[in-house]
């Protein structure tokens, strides 16, 4: 049986919780502001502390409460930023039992009734024994809208003996009406150097031995949270026998050996699929979680990318010298496009591993993909390589003499140019513009291209699949409809073309003489065009370089010229009708 006279064990996060502002680490700006405010007797009526978990929000609130009510050992003190910790108010507040310091958990007490019973019904009564009645609401962003509204009036005009202190990790969820009534303090993440010094101080005080590498791992895992770091230190002291090492911390946290993850990263970037799979299997056999390995790869990708842009970031105290040297070397060797592609693929792979029935299989497939695209050339290099593989001196169109250029599977940016239309006004301008616009549409293909550029998808589908063109001239279209054509196709087509071009279009229906629809002709033409494109040396080189590649679109020079001509026209207002006064 344990000795009842022996004091109960207290976890390090509570044992070493700061008692004064001097004990707070990494929050110098906030401490300086509060000290100046207390010294000048300009103490706000309400404070709000925001920051990530474990940076000292609630602790700061309690220190402020002690400072407001400290009376000193002689009982004659005044509000101070250096509470004595020995008077009755300081002791009572530190132990959480002072009647005039009311702590409320906003996460569990969210309703208006909680605000009414804890604050509104007692706020006007004077403190029982302290100088100020202090209300501390933790996770204040969790309060309901009605609870916030009930608090607003009291928060704006509190009695002189009342102070409010709020703490939150989600400052954006706090209404602006509340924020505007508070003095705000943003508590920062603890910097790695400061965190390691804190861990060393606590470990020394506890008589524990822990290596620098172990403290670096704890600091990295804590992500700027002093509470998390202290809790991990507490766990590591219990986990280790004698001196706690980095390997023990890595095993305790389930982390993969960072050096081995760097080895895996290097193998992937070299395109060594077999070596990468072997290393992944070895790490898995040693107990590494496949998801954790991929997360580490993503973290290393980010780290090296940042080092490549700002090399000084490698000087991180949590990074051992050998890892720092490897990171700088990789950053100098790897192109940013490779790192960016690695990052994007790893994010996708993490999603796949999370959903896969077997995490290791999914991780292996991810590594295989990563190794195969790691050294993929950029588009410029690829084009040069493909051009060198194509037969020199052969025209890309595959033809010669006076033959018209053959279609090619390529994309071309449409040319744009200024309008050359003269400056006119009124009806003269409308007629001149209409004539100029109609002169542009000398073929029906140009009309179809116009519909495509205007992105009228429904009309485009109808024109391509249900319209059999019989006769065409600029401003006039005659067509034979298919059985599935809409009855109002002619009128809608006429209206839209007039709106887009500023000229009248006569669109009429005939009973016979219509040619094949564009969709029917396209199916036949596409087959012929694909066969012709397959004879182009550049296309052959692409197909050889990328087995399984497919041609998804073919544009003829004529089609691209029509699209470019339409893009070069001056923009027309869809609601503009040059003939509305006729």
Protein backbone atom coordinates (compact mmCIF):
# COMPACT_ATOMS: atom_id res chain seq x y z
CA UNK A 1 0.00 0.00 0.00
CA UNK A 2 1.11 3.52 -0.75
CA UNK A 3 1.98 5.85 2.11
CA UNK A 4 -0.95 8.28 2.60
CA UNK A 5 1.53 10.91 3.78
CA UNK A 6 3.31 10.85 0.42
CA UNK A 7 2.02 13.65 -1.82
CA UNK A 8 0.12 12.45 -4.90
CA UNK A 9 2.00 12.48 -8.17
CA UNK A 10 1.33 15.56 -10.26
CA UNK A 11 1.85 15.48 -14.02
CA UNK A 12 4.56 17.80 -15.28
CA UNK A 13 2.13 19.91 -17.34
CA UNK A 14 0.39 20.93 -14.10
CA UNK A 15 3.45 20.89 -11.85
CA UNK A 16 5.31 23.37 -14.03
CA UNK A 17 2.36 25.50 -15.13
CA UNK A 18 3.47 29.16 -15.05
CA UNK A 19 2.41 31.03 -11.92
CA UNK A 20 3.58 34.51 -12.97
CA UNK A 21 4.19 36.40 -16.20
CA UNK A 22 7.90 35.80 -15.69
CA UNK A 23 7.24 32.05 -15.98
CA UNK A 24 5.47 32.38 -19.36
CA UNK A 25 7.73 31.45 -22.28
CA UNK A 26 7.52 32.71 -25.85
CA UNK A 27 4.88 35.41 -25.20
CA UNK A 28 7.05 38.46 -24.58
CA UNK A 29 4.90 40.87 -26.62
CA UNK A 30 1.75 40.09 -24.65
CA UNK A 31 3.55 40.25 -21.31
CA UNK A 32 5.06 43.63 -22.19
CA UNK A 33 1.66 45.07 -23.13
CA UNK A 34 0.00 43.82 -19.96
CA UNK A 35 2.81 45.12 -17.75
CA UNK A 36 2.54 48.57 -19.31
CA UNK A 37 -1.26 48.54 -18.93
CA UNK A 38 -1.06 47.59 -15.22
CA UNK A 39 1.67 50.15 -14.56
CA UNK A 40 -0.38 52.93 -16.18
CA UNK A 41 -3.62 51.77 -14.51
CA UNK A 42 -5.20 51.26 -17.95
CA UNK A 43 -6.57 47.78 -17.34
CA UNK A 44 -9.18 46.77 -19.89
CA UNK A 45 -12.64 45.62 -18.86
CA UNK A 46 -12.37 42.47 -21.00
CA UNK A 47 -9.53 40.43 -22.48
CA UNK A 48 -9.59 37.68 -25.09
CA UNK A 49 -6.70 35.25 -25.51
CA UNK A 50 -6.37 33.31 -28.75
CA UNK A 51 -3.86 30.77 -30.01
CA UNK A 52 -3.31 27.07 -30.60
CA UNK A 53 -3.70 24.53 -27.84
CA UNK A 54 -1.18 24.57 -25.02
CA UNK A 55 0.28 28.06 -25.51
CA UNK A 56 -0.98 29.37 -22.16
CA UNK A 57 -4.35 31.01 -22.78
CA UNK A 58 -6.12 29.76 -19.64
CA UNK A 59 -2.91 30.02 -17.64
CA UNK A 60 -2.55 33.66 -18.67
CA UNK A 61 -6.18 34.28 -17.67
CA UNK A 62 -5.48 32.94 -14.17
CA UNK A 63 -2.29 34.98 -13.86
CA UNK A 64 -4.23 38.12 -14.81
CA UNK A 65 -6.90 37.21 -12.23
CA UNK A 66 -4.21 36.83 -9.56
CA UNK A 67 -2.55 40.08 -10.59
CA UNK A 68 -5.86 41.95 -10.35
CA UNK A 69 -6.59 40.64 -6.85
CA UNK A 70 -3.15 40.21 -5.27
CA UNK A 71 -2.87 42.10 -1.98
CA UNK A 72 0.72 41.09 -1.22
CA UNK A 73 2.06 39.39 1.90
CA UNK A 74 1.30 42.50 3.95
CA UNK A 75 -2.27 42.84 2.65
CA UNK A 76 -1.66 46.32 1.23
CA UNK A 77 -0.79 45.50 -2.37
CA UNK A 78 -2.43 46.84 -5.53
CA UNK A 79 -3.02 45.29 -8.98
CA UNK A 80 0.29 43.98 -10.25
CA UNK A 81 1.81 41.88 -13.02
CA UNK A 82 3.97 40.14 -10.39
CA UNK A 83 1.49 38.48 -8.00
CA UNK A 84 3.13 37.30 -4.84
CA UNK A 85 1.57 33.84 -4.84
CA UNK A 86 1.45 33.88 -1.03
CA UNK A 87 -1.60 35.96 -0.13
CA UNK A 88 -5.04 34.41 0.23
CA UNK A 89 -6.35 35.63 -3.16
CA UNK A 90 -3.28 34.28 -4.98
CA UNK A 91 -3.45 30.92 -3.24
CA UNK A 92 -7.21 30.56 -3.71
CA UNK A 93 -7.06 31.46 -7.41
CA UNK A 94 -4.09 29.12 -8.03
CA UNK A 95 -6.02 26.26 -6.44
CA UNK A 96 -9.19 27.12 -8.38
CA UNK A 97 -11.36 27.70 -5.33
CA UNK A 98 -11.66 31.47 -5.05
CA UNK A 99 -15.29 32.49 -4.86
CA UNK A 100 -14.80 35.72 -6.83
CA UNK A 101 -13.00 34.11 -9.78
CA UNK A 102 -15.61 32.17 -11.74
CA UNK A 103 -14.34 29.82 -14.44
CA UNK A 104 -16.81 28.64 -17.07
CA UNK A 105 -16.26 26.05 -19.81
CA UNK A 106 -17.76 27.38 -23.03
CA UNK A 107 -17.57 23.92 -24.61
CA UNK A 108 -19.99 22.32 -22.13
CA UNK A 109 -21.94 25.38 -20.95
CA UNK A 110 -23.05 26.84 -24.26
CA UNK A 111 -26.65 27.93 -23.68
CA UNK A 112 -28.15 31.23 -22.68
CA UNK A 113 -29.30 29.66 -19.39
CA UNK A 114 -25.66 28.93 -18.52
CA UNK A 115 -24.70 32.57 -19.13
CA UNK A 116 -27.68 33.73 -17.09
CA UNK A 117 -26.98 31.47 -14.08
CA UNK A 118 -23.17 31.86 -14.08
CA UNK A 119 -22.82 35.55 -14.97
CA UNK A 120 -25.89 37.70 -15.44
CA UNK A 121 -27.56 36.86 -12.12
CA UNK A 122 -24.43 37.61 -10.07
CA UNK A 123 -22.50 40.21 -12.04
CA UNK A 124 -24.02 43.22 -10.25
CA UNK A 125 -23.15 41.95 -6.76
CA UNK A 126 -19.87 43.16 -5.25
CA UNK A 127 -16.98 40.68 -4.77
CA UNK A 128 -17.16 38.65 -1.58
CA UNK A 129 -13.52 39.17 -0.59
CA UNK A 130 -11.43 40.09 -3.64
CA UNK A 131 -10.78 43.42 -5.31
CA UNK A 132 -12.39 42.33 -8.61
CA UNK A 133 -14.89 39.70 -9.60
CA UNK A 134 -13.28 37.92 -12.58
CA UNK A 135 -15.20 35.78 -15.08
CA UNK A 136 -13.02 33.40 -17.13
CA UNK A 137 -14.73 31.65 -20.07
CA UNK A 138 -12.64 28.98 -21.77
CA UNK A 139 -13.38 28.00 -25.41
CA UNK A 140 -15.67 31.01 -25.63
CA UNK A 141 -16.28 30.43 -29.36
CA UNK A 142 -18.49 27.46 -28.43
CA UNK A 143 -21.19 29.67 -26.92
CA UNK A 144 -24.47 29.80 -28.79
CA UNK A 145 -25.60 32.93 -30.64
CA UNK A 146 -28.25 33.63 -28.02
CA UNK A 147 -25.66 33.26 -25.24
CA UNK A 148 -23.36 35.76 -26.96
CA UNK A 149 -26.25 38.18 -27.41
CA UNK A 150 -27.20 37.92 -23.75
CA UNK A 151 -23.61 38.71 -22.77
CA UNK A 152 -23.14 41.75 -25.02
CA UNK A 153 -24.74 44.48 -22.90
CA UNK A 154 -22.97 43.45 -19.72
CA UNK A 155 -19.69 43.06 -21.62
CA UNK A 156 -19.97 46.60 -23.02
CA UNK A 157 -20.85 48.28 -19.72
CA UNK A 158 -19.75 45.99 -16.89
CA UNK A 159 -19.82 47.14 -13.28
CA UNK A 160 -16.49 48.64 -12.16
CA UNK A 161 -15.73 45.64 -9.97
CA UNK A 162 -16.01 43.10 -12.85
CA UNK A 163 -13.44 41.90 -15.39
CA UNK A 164 -13.96 39.36 -18.21
CA UNK A 165 -11.23 37.11 -19.62
CA UNK A 166 -11.99 34.86 -22.60
CA UNK A 167 -9.87 32.11 -24.16
CA UNK A 168 -10.38 30.52 -27.58
CA UNK A 169 -8.61 28.47 -30.22
CA UNK A 170 -11.09 29.60 -32.91
CA UNK A 171 -11.03 33.40 -32.89
CA UNK A 172 -12.89 33.59 -36.21
CA UNK A 173 -15.94 31.97 -34.66
CA UNK A 174 -16.25 34.70 -32.05
CA UNK A 175 -18.76 37.39 -33.14
CA UNK A 176 -17.23 40.72 -34.12
CA UNK A 177 -19.56 42.42 -31.65
CA UNK A 178 -17.79 40.55 -28.85
CA UNK A 179 -14.28 41.06 -30.23
CA UNK A 180 -14.81 44.81 -30.49
CA UNK A 181 -15.48 44.98 -26.75
CA UNK A 182 -12.30 43.08 -25.76
CA UNK A 183 -8.57 43.71 -25.71
CA UNK A 184 -7.17 40.93 -27.86
CA UNK A 185 -3.92 39.01 -27.36
CA UNK A 186 -2.62 36.47 -29.88
CA UNK A 187 -0.45 33.87 -28.17
CA UNK A 188 2.23 32.57 -30.52
CA UNK A 189 3.49 29.07 -31.06
CA UNK A 190 6.55 28.45 -28.92
CA UNK A 191 9.72 28.71 -31.01
CA UNK A 192 11.84 25.52 -31.18
CA UNK A 193 14.83 27.09 -29.37
CA UNK A 194 12.60 28.32 -26.53
CA UNK A 195 10.79 24.99 -26.32
CA UNK A 196 14.00 22.97 -26.09
CA UNK A 197 15.29 25.27 -23.36
CA UNK A 198 12.04 24.76 -21.43
CA UNK A 199 12.26 20.97 -21.78
CA UNK A 200 15.88 21.01 -20.64
CA UNK A 201 14.96 23.13 -17.61
CA UNK A 202 12.13 20.79 -16.58
CA UNK A 203 14.16 17.63 -17.17
CA UNK A 204 16.99 19.03 -15.04
CA UNK A 205 14.57 19.95 -12.27
CA UNK A 206 13.17 16.39 -12.36
CA UNK A 207 16.63 14.83 -12.36
CA UNK A 208 15.95 13.15 -15.69
CA UNK A 209 18.49 12.61 -18.46
CA UNK A 210 17.35 13.14 -22.03
CA UNK A 211 19.46 13.60 -25.15
CA UNK A 212 19.37 16.64 -27.37
CA UNK A 213 18.02 14.52 -30.24
CA UNK A 214 15.18 13.24 -28.06
CA UNK A 215 14.20 16.78 -27.07
CA UNK A 216 14.31 17.78 -30.74
CA UNK A 217 11.81 15.02 -31.61
CA UNK A 218 9.51 16.05 -28.76
CA UNK A 219 9.69 19.69 -29.85
CA UNK A 220 8.86 18.78 -33.43
CA UNK A 221 5.93 16.59 -32.36
CA UNK A 222 4.54 19.30 -30.03
CA UNK A 223 4.16 21.76 -32.95
CA UNK A 224 4.61 24.83 -30.76
CA UNK A 225 2.40 23.71 -27.85
CA UNK A 226 4.15 23.95 -24.47
CA UNK A 227 1.54 21.72 -22.82
CA UNK A 228 1.96 18.98 -25.46
CA UNK A 229 5.74 19.17 -25.17
CA UNK A 230 5.64 18.92 -21.39
CA UNK A 231 3.22 15.98 -21.52
CA UNK A 232 5.43 14.16 -24.03
CA UNK A 233 8.46 14.82 -21.83
CA UNK A 234 6.56 13.35 -18.87
CA UNK A 235 5.76 10.25 -20.94
CA UNK A 236 9.31 9.94 -22.27
CA UNK A 237 10.82 10.03 -18.78
CA UNK A 238 8.59 7.12 -17.81
CA UNK A 239 9.28 5.32 -21.10
CA UNK A 240 13.06 5.53 -20.98
CA UNK A 241 15.35 3.66 -18.65
CA UNK A 242 18.29 5.84 -17.67
CA UNK A 243 18.99 8.38 -20.38
CA UNK A 244 16.09 8.86 -22.82
CA UNK A 245 17.31 8.70 -26.42
CA UNK A 246 15.91 9.76 -29.78
CA UNK A 247 15.28 6.12 -30.73
CA UNK A 248 13.14 5.64 -27.63
CA UNK A 249 11.14 8.79 -28.39
CA UNK A 250 10.69 7.63 -31.98
CA UNK A 251 9.39 4.26 -30.78
CA UNK A 252 7.15 5.93 -28.21
CA UNK A 253 5.59 8.23 -30.80
CA UNK A 254 5.41 5.60 -33.54
CA UNK A 255 7.66 7.64 -35.81
CA UNK A 256 9.75 6.23 -38.61
CA UNK A 257 13.49 6.81 -38.51
CA UNK A 258 13.85 10.18 -40.25
CA UNK A 259 17.18 9.13 -41.70
CA UNK A 260 15.57 6.07 -43.28
CA UNK A 261 12.69 8.17 -44.59
CA UNK A 262 15.29 10.42 -46.24
CA UNK A 263 16.82 7.26 -47.76
CA UNK A 264 13.39 6.28 -49.12
CA UNK A 265 12.82 9.79 -50.45
CA UNK A 266 16.19 9.71 -52.21
CA UNK A 267 15.44 6.33 -53.82
CA UNK A 268 12.09 7.60 -55.07
CA UNK A 269 13.58 10.75 -56.58
CA UNK A 270 16.21 8.60 -58.32
CA UNK A 271 13.43 6.51 -59.89
CA UNK A 272 14.66 3.33 -58.18
CA UNK A 273 11.36 1.50 -57.76
CA UNK A 274 12.86 -1.78 -56.57
CA UNK A 275 15.08 -0.10 -54.00
CA UNK A 276 12.23 2.12 -52.76
CA UNK A 277 9.88 -0.85 -52.33
CA UNK A 278 12.58 -2.77 -50.48
CA UNK A 279 13.19 0.13 -48.09
CA UNK A 280 9.45 0.60 -47.52
CA UNK A 281 9.07 -3.11 -46.72
CA UNK A 282 11.98 -2.96 -44.30
CA UNK A 283 10.47 0.00 -42.47
CA UNK A 284 7.11 -1.76 -42.36
CA UNK A 285 8.74 -4.88 -40.91
CA UNK A 286 10.32 -2.70 -38.22
CA UNK A 287 6.88 -1.46 -37.19
CA UNK A 288 6.47 1.76 -39.20
CA UNK A 289 2.91 2.67 -40.17
CA UNK A 290 2.57 3.06 -43.99
CA UNK A 291 0.42 6.16 -43.51
CA UNK A 292 3.05 7.66 -41.20
CA UNK A 293 5.78 6.96 -43.76
CA UNK A 294 3.86 8.78 -46.48
CA UNK A 295 3.19 11.68 -44.11
CA UNK A 296 6.92 11.85 -43.38
CA UNK A 297 7.66 11.84 -47.12
CA UNK A 298 5.25 14.75 -47.57
CA UNK A 299 6.85 16.60 -44.66
CA UNK A 300 10.32 16.08 -46.16
CA UNK A 301 9.07 17.24 -49.57
CA UNK A 302 7.79 20.45 -47.99
CA UNK A 303 10.97 20.89 -45.95
CA UNK A 304 13.28 20.53 -48.95
CA UNK A 305 11.07 22.83 -51.06
CA UNK A 306 11.28 25.54 -48.41
CA UNK A 307 15.04 25.07 -48.07
CA UNK A 308 15.40 25.44 -51.83
CA UNK A 309 13.69 28.84 -51.69
CA UNK A 310 15.17 30.01 -48.37
CA UNK A 311 18.28 27.99 -47.43
CA UNK A 312 18.54 29.68 -44.03
CA UNK A 313 15.46 27.77 -42.84
CA UNK A 314 17.65 24.66 -42.66
CA UNK A 315 19.22 26.15 -39.53
CA UNK A 316 16.53 24.67 -37.30
CA UNK A 317 17.67 23.48 -33.84
CA UNK A 318 15.30 20.52 -34.04
CA UNK A 319 17.13 19.23 -37.14
CA UNK A 320 20.32 17.24 -36.52
CA UNK A 321 23.42 18.37 -38.47
CA UNK A 322 23.52 15.26 -40.70
CA UNK A 323 19.86 15.67 -41.70
CA UNK A 324 20.46 19.37 -42.34
CA UNK A 325 23.37 18.53 -44.66
CA UNK A 326 21.28 15.98 -46.56
CA UNK A 327 18.41 18.42 -46.91
CA UNK A 328 20.66 21.14 -48.33
CA UNK A 329 22.20 18.64 -50.76
CA UNK A 330 18.80 17.44 -52.01
CA UNK A 331 17.55 21.00 -52.34
CA UNK A 332 20.50 21.82 -54.59
CA UNK A 333 19.96 18.73 -56.77
CA UNK A 334 16.19 18.51 -57.13
CA UNK A 335 14.16 20.79 -59.39
CA UNK A 336 11.18 22.60 -57.93
CA UNK A 337 8.86 21.02 -60.52
CA UNK A 338 9.86 17.56 -59.21
CA UNK A 339 9.20 18.59 -55.61
CA UNK A 340 5.85 20.17 -56.51
CA UNK A 341 4.76 17.04 -58.39
CA UNK A 342 5.91 14.88 -55.46
CA UNK A 343 3.84 16.97 -53.03
CA UNK A 344 0.68 16.76 -55.13
CA UNK A 345 0.97 13.01 -55.64
CA UNK A 346 1.68 12.36 -51.96
CA UNK A 347 -1.45 14.27 -50.94
CA UNK A 348 -3.47 12.08 -53.31
CA UNK A 349 -1.71 8.96 -52.06
CA UNK A 350 -2.55 9.77 -48.43
CA UNK A 351 -6.23 9.86 -49.37
CA UNK A 352 -5.94 6.51 -51.15
CA UNK A 353 -4.13 4.83 -48.24
CA UNK A 354 -6.77 6.08 -45.80
CA UNK A 355 -9.53 4.49 -47.91
CA UNK A 356 -7.72 1.31 -48.97
CA UNK A 357 -8.55 -2.01 -47.26
CA UNK A 358 -4.82 -2.74 -47.00
CA UNK A 359 -2.70 0.31 -46.17
CA UNK A 360 0.61 -1.33 -47.09
CA UNK A 361 -0.58 -2.34 -50.56
CA UNK A 362 -1.81 1.19 -51.22
CA UNK A 363 1.48 2.64 -49.97
CA UNK A 364 3.46 0.33 -52.27
CA UNK A 365 1.37 1.36 -55.27
CA UNK A 366 1.93 5.01 -54.33
CA UNK A 367 5.70 4.49 -54.16
CA UNK A 368 5.68 2.78 -57.56
CA UNK A 369 3.83 5.73 -59.09
CA UNK A 370 6.15 8.22 -57.43
CA UNK A 371 9.30 6.52 -58.70
CA UNK A 372 7.97 6.40 -62.26
CA UNK A 373 7.16 10.10 -62.48
CA UNK A 374 9.90 11.50 -60.24
CA UNK A 375 12.28 12.19 -63.11
CA UNK A 376 9.63 12.97 -65.73
CA UNK A 377 10.93 15.87 -67.86
CA UNK A 378 9.21 19.24 -67.95
CA UNK A 379 7.09 20.08 -71.04
CA UNK A 380 9.83 22.13 -72.72
CA UNK A 381 12.41 19.38 -72.35
CA UNK A 382 9.87 16.79 -73.49
CA UNK A 383 9.04 18.71 -76.69
CA UNK A 384 12.73 19.07 -77.53
CA UNK A 385 13.26 15.37 -76.95
CA UNK A 386 10.29 14.42 -79.12
CA UNK A 387 11.40 16.77 -81.87
CA UNK A 388 14.82 15.17 -81.89
CA UNK A 389 13.20 11.75 -82.27
CA UNK A 390 11.06 12.91 -85.22
CA UNK A 391 12.55 12.62 -88.71
CA UNK A 392 14.34 15.88 -89.51
CA UNK A 393 13.11 17.86 -92.52
CA UNK A 394 9.67 16.21 -92.68
CA UNK A 395 6.80 18.70 -92.62
CA UNK A 396 4.55 18.20 -89.63
CA UNK A 397 1.55 18.17 -91.94
CA UNK A 398 2.87 15.13 -93.82
CA UNK A 399 2.14 16.68 -97.24
CA UNK A 400 3.93 18.67 -99.92
CA UNK A 401 3.47 20.71 -103.07
CA UNK A 402 0.18 22.58 -103.25
CA UNK A 403 -1.69 20.21 -100.97
CA UNK A 404 -3.72 21.83 -98.21
CA UNK A 405 -2.31 21.45 -94.70
CA UNK A 406 -3.40 18.26 -93.02
CA UNK A 407 -5.02 18.17 -89.60
CA UNK A 408 -2.74 17.93 -86.57
CA UNK A 409 -3.47 16.94 -82.98
CA UNK A 410 -2.46 20.22 -81.43
CA UNK A 411 -3.86 23.23 -79.56
CA UNK A 412 -3.25 26.79 -80.67
CA UNK A 413 -4.01 29.98 -78.74
CA UNK A 414 -6.47 32.07 -80.78
CA UNK A 415 -5.00 35.25 -82.17
CA UNK A 416 -6.42 38.52 -80.97
CA UNK A 417 -6.22 41.88 -82.62
CA UNK A 418 -7.70 45.32 -82.42
CA UNK A 419 -10.85 46.17 -84.32
CA UNK A 420 -10.32 48.21 -87.48
CA UNK A 421 -13.93 49.38 -87.67
CA UNK A 422 -14.13 53.14 -88.35
CA UNK A 423 -15.76 55.42 -85.83
CA UNK A 424 -19.45 55.96 -86.72
CA UNK A 425 -22.70 56.63 -84.91
CA UNK A 426 -26.36 55.75 -85.00
CA UNK A 427 -27.90 53.66 -87.78
CA UNK A 428 -24.86 54.18 -90.06
CA UNK A 429 -22.64 52.51 -87.49
CA UNK A 430 -25.10 49.64 -87.09
CA UNK A 431 -25.34 48.95 -90.82
CA UNK A 432 -21.58 49.21 -91.33
CA UNK A 433 -20.91 46.93 -88.37
CA UNK A 434 -23.53 44.42 -89.54
CA UNK A 435 -22.01 44.30 -93.02
CA UNK A 436 -18.54 43.87 -91.57
CA UNK A 437 -19.73 41.10 -89.26
CA UNK A 438 -21.55 39.16 -92.00
CA UNK A 439 -18.47 39.33 -94.19
CA UNK A 440 -16.66 37.31 -91.53
CA UNK A 441 -19.02 34.34 -91.76
CA UNK A 442 -18.34 33.02 -95.24
CA UNK A 443 -18.69 29.38 -94.18
CA UNK A 444 -21.08 27.54 -91.91
CA UNK A 445 -18.08 26.26 -89.92
CA UNK A 446 -17.44 29.83 -88.82
CA UNK A 447 -21.02 30.10 -87.58
CA UNK A 448 -20.57 26.91 -85.55
CA UNK A 449 -17.29 28.26 -84.17
CA UNK A 450 -19.13 31.42 -83.08
CA UNK A 451 -21.72 29.36 -81.18
CA UNK A 452 -18.88 27.46 -79.53
CA UNK A 453 -17.07 30.62 -78.42
CA UNK A 454 -20.30 31.97 -76.93
CA UNK A 455 -20.59 28.72 -74.92
CA UNK A 456 -24.26 28.19 -75.74
CA UNK A 457 -23.98 24.45 -75.16
CA UNK A 458 -27.61 23.56 -75.82
CA UNK A 459 -27.72 25.40 -79.16
CA UNK A 460 -24.34 23.96 -80.17
CA UNK A 461 -25.49 20.39 -79.52
CA UNK A 462 -28.71 20.96 -81.47
CA UNK A 463 -26.89 22.52 -84.46
CA UNK A 464 -24.33 19.72 -84.57
CA UNK A 465 -26.76 16.81 -84.18
CA UNK A 466 -30.17 17.87 -85.59
CA UNK A 467 -29.40 20.36 -88.40
CA UNK A 468 -28.80 19.08 -91.97
CA UNK A 469 -27.43 22.08 -93.85
CA UNK A 470 -29.03 22.61 -97.29
CA UNK A 471 -27.76 26.06 -98.33
CA UNK A 472 -25.62 28.71 -96.69
CA UNK A 473 -24.56 32.26 -97.49
CA UNK A 474 -23.55 35.08 -95.12
CA UNK A 475 -26.73 36.09 -93.32
CA UNK A 476 -28.85 33.19 -94.65
CA UNK A 477 -29.16 29.54 -93.54
CA UNK A 478 -31.46 26.86 -94.95
CA UNK A 479 -31.55 23.46 -93.28
CA UNK A 480 -33.48 20.23 -93.17
CA UNK A 481 -34.21 19.21 -89.56
CA UNK A 482 -33.75 15.68 -88.30
CA UNK A 483 -36.79 13.96 -86.69
CA UNK A 484 -35.44 14.90 -83.23
CA UNK A 485 -34.91 18.59 -83.98
CA UNK A 486 -36.69 21.16 -81.78
CA UNK A 487 -39.57 22.97 -83.57
CA UNK A 488 -38.21 26.39 -82.65
CA UNK A 489 -34.58 25.71 -83.65
CA UNK A 490 -34.71 28.05 -86.66
CA UNK A 491 -36.09 31.01 -84.70
CA UNK A 492 -33.72 30.56 -81.78
CA UNK A 493 -30.71 30.23 -84.07
CA UNK A 494 -31.72 33.38 -85.93
CA UNK A 495 -32.20 35.38 -82.74
CA UNK A 496 -28.91 34.31 -81.19
CA UNK A 497 -26.86 34.99 -84.33
CA UNK A 498 -28.44 38.43 -84.69
CA UNK A 499 -27.68 39.19 -81.04
CA UNK A 500 -24.05 38.07 -81.34
CA UNK A 501 -23.19 39.61 -84.72
CA UNK A 502 -25.40 42.70 -84.81
CA UNK A 503 -26.80 41.65 -88.21
CA UNK A 504 -30.06 40.01 -89.29
CA UNK A 505 -29.95 36.28 -90.09
CA UNK A 506 -32.60 34.58 -92.18
CA UNK A 507 -32.86 31.00 -90.98
CA UNK A 508 -35.45 28.80 -92.70
CA UNK A 509 -36.45 25.13 -92.85
CA UNK A 510 -36.63 23.02 -96.05
CA UNK A 511 -38.06 19.56 -96.59
CA UNK A 512 -35.18 18.04 -98.56
CA UNK A 513 -31.65 18.58 -99.75
CA UNK A 514 -29.96 18.59 -96.36
CA UNK A 515 -26.46 17.15 -95.98
CA UNK A 516 -25.21 14.98 -93.15
CA UNK A 517 -25.22 16.59 -89.69
CA UNK A 518 -21.94 17.85 -88.29
CA UNK A 519 -21.89 14.99 -85.77
CA UNK A 520 -22.35 12.39 -88.52
CA UNK A 521 -19.65 13.96 -90.67
CA UNK A 522 -17.34 14.39 -87.73
CA UNK A 523 -17.38 10.71 -86.87
CA UNK A 524 -16.27 9.88 -90.39
CA UNK A 525 -13.81 12.76 -90.62
CA UNK A 526 -12.31 11.99 -87.23
CA UNK A 527 -11.43 8.47 -88.25
CA UNK A 528 -9.75 9.76 -91.39
CA UNK A 529 -8.01 12.55 -89.45
CA UNK A 530 -6.70 10.15 -86.80
CA UNK A 531 -5.32 7.86 -89.47
CA UNK A 532 -3.63 10.82 -91.16
CA UNK A 533 -2.33 12.23 -87.86
CA UNK A 534 -0.83 8.86 -86.99
CA UNK A 535 1.56 9.25 -89.92
CA UNK A 536 3.07 12.50 -88.54
CA UNK A 537 6.57 11.84 -87.08
CA UNK A 538 5.96 14.02 -84.01
CA UNK A 539 2.78 12.10 -83.18
CA UNK A 540 4.57 8.79 -83.68
CA UNK A 541 7.30 9.96 -81.29
CA UNK A 542 4.72 10.91 -78.64
CA UNK A 543 2.96 7.55 -78.96
CA UNK A 544 6.28 5.74 -78.62
CA UNK A 545 7.29 7.78 -75.58
CA UNK A 546 3.93 7.34 -73.85
CA UNK A 547 2.45 3.87 -74.47
CA UNK A 548 -1.31 3.94 -74.18
CA UNK A 549 -1.61 7.63 -75.05
CA UNK A 550 -4.68 8.62 -77.05
CA UNK A 551 -5.54 11.47 -79.40
CA UNK A 552 -8.40 13.32 -77.72
CA UNK A 553 -8.87 16.21 -80.14
CA UNK A 554 -7.87 17.11 -83.68
CA UNK A 555 -8.14 20.62 -85.06
CA UNK A 556 -7.59 21.46 -88.69
CA UNK A 557 -5.77 24.67 -89.60
CA UNK A 558 -8.99 25.88 -91.22
CA UNK A 559 -10.97 25.37 -87.99
CA UNK A 560 -8.32 27.17 -85.95
CA UNK A 561 -8.23 30.06 -88.42
CA UNK A 562 -12.04 30.39 -88.20
CA UNK A 563 -11.89 30.41 -84.41
CA UNK A 564 -9.08 32.99 -84.44
CA UNK A 565 -11.04 35.25 -86.82
CA UNK A 566 -14.08 35.17 -84.56
CA UNK A 567 -12.02 35.83 -81.43
CA UNK A 568 -10.51 38.90 -83.16
CA UNK A 569 -13.94 40.50 -83.72
CA UNK A 570 -15.04 43.36 -81.42
CA UNK A 571 -17.24 42.21 -78.55
CA UNK A 572 -21.00 42.63 -78.97
CA UNK A 573 -23.47 43.15 -76.16
CA UNK A 574 -25.83 40.18 -76.06
CA UNK A 575 -28.75 42.58 -75.65
CA UNK A 576 -27.67 44.92 -78.48
CA UNK A 577 -30.06 45.08 -81.46
CA UNK A 578 -28.89 47.46 -84.22
CA UNK A 579 -32.29 47.19 -85.93
CA UNK A 580 -34.51 47.92 -82.96
CA UNK A 581 -35.49 51.33 -84.44
CA UNK A 582 -36.40 49.90 -87.86
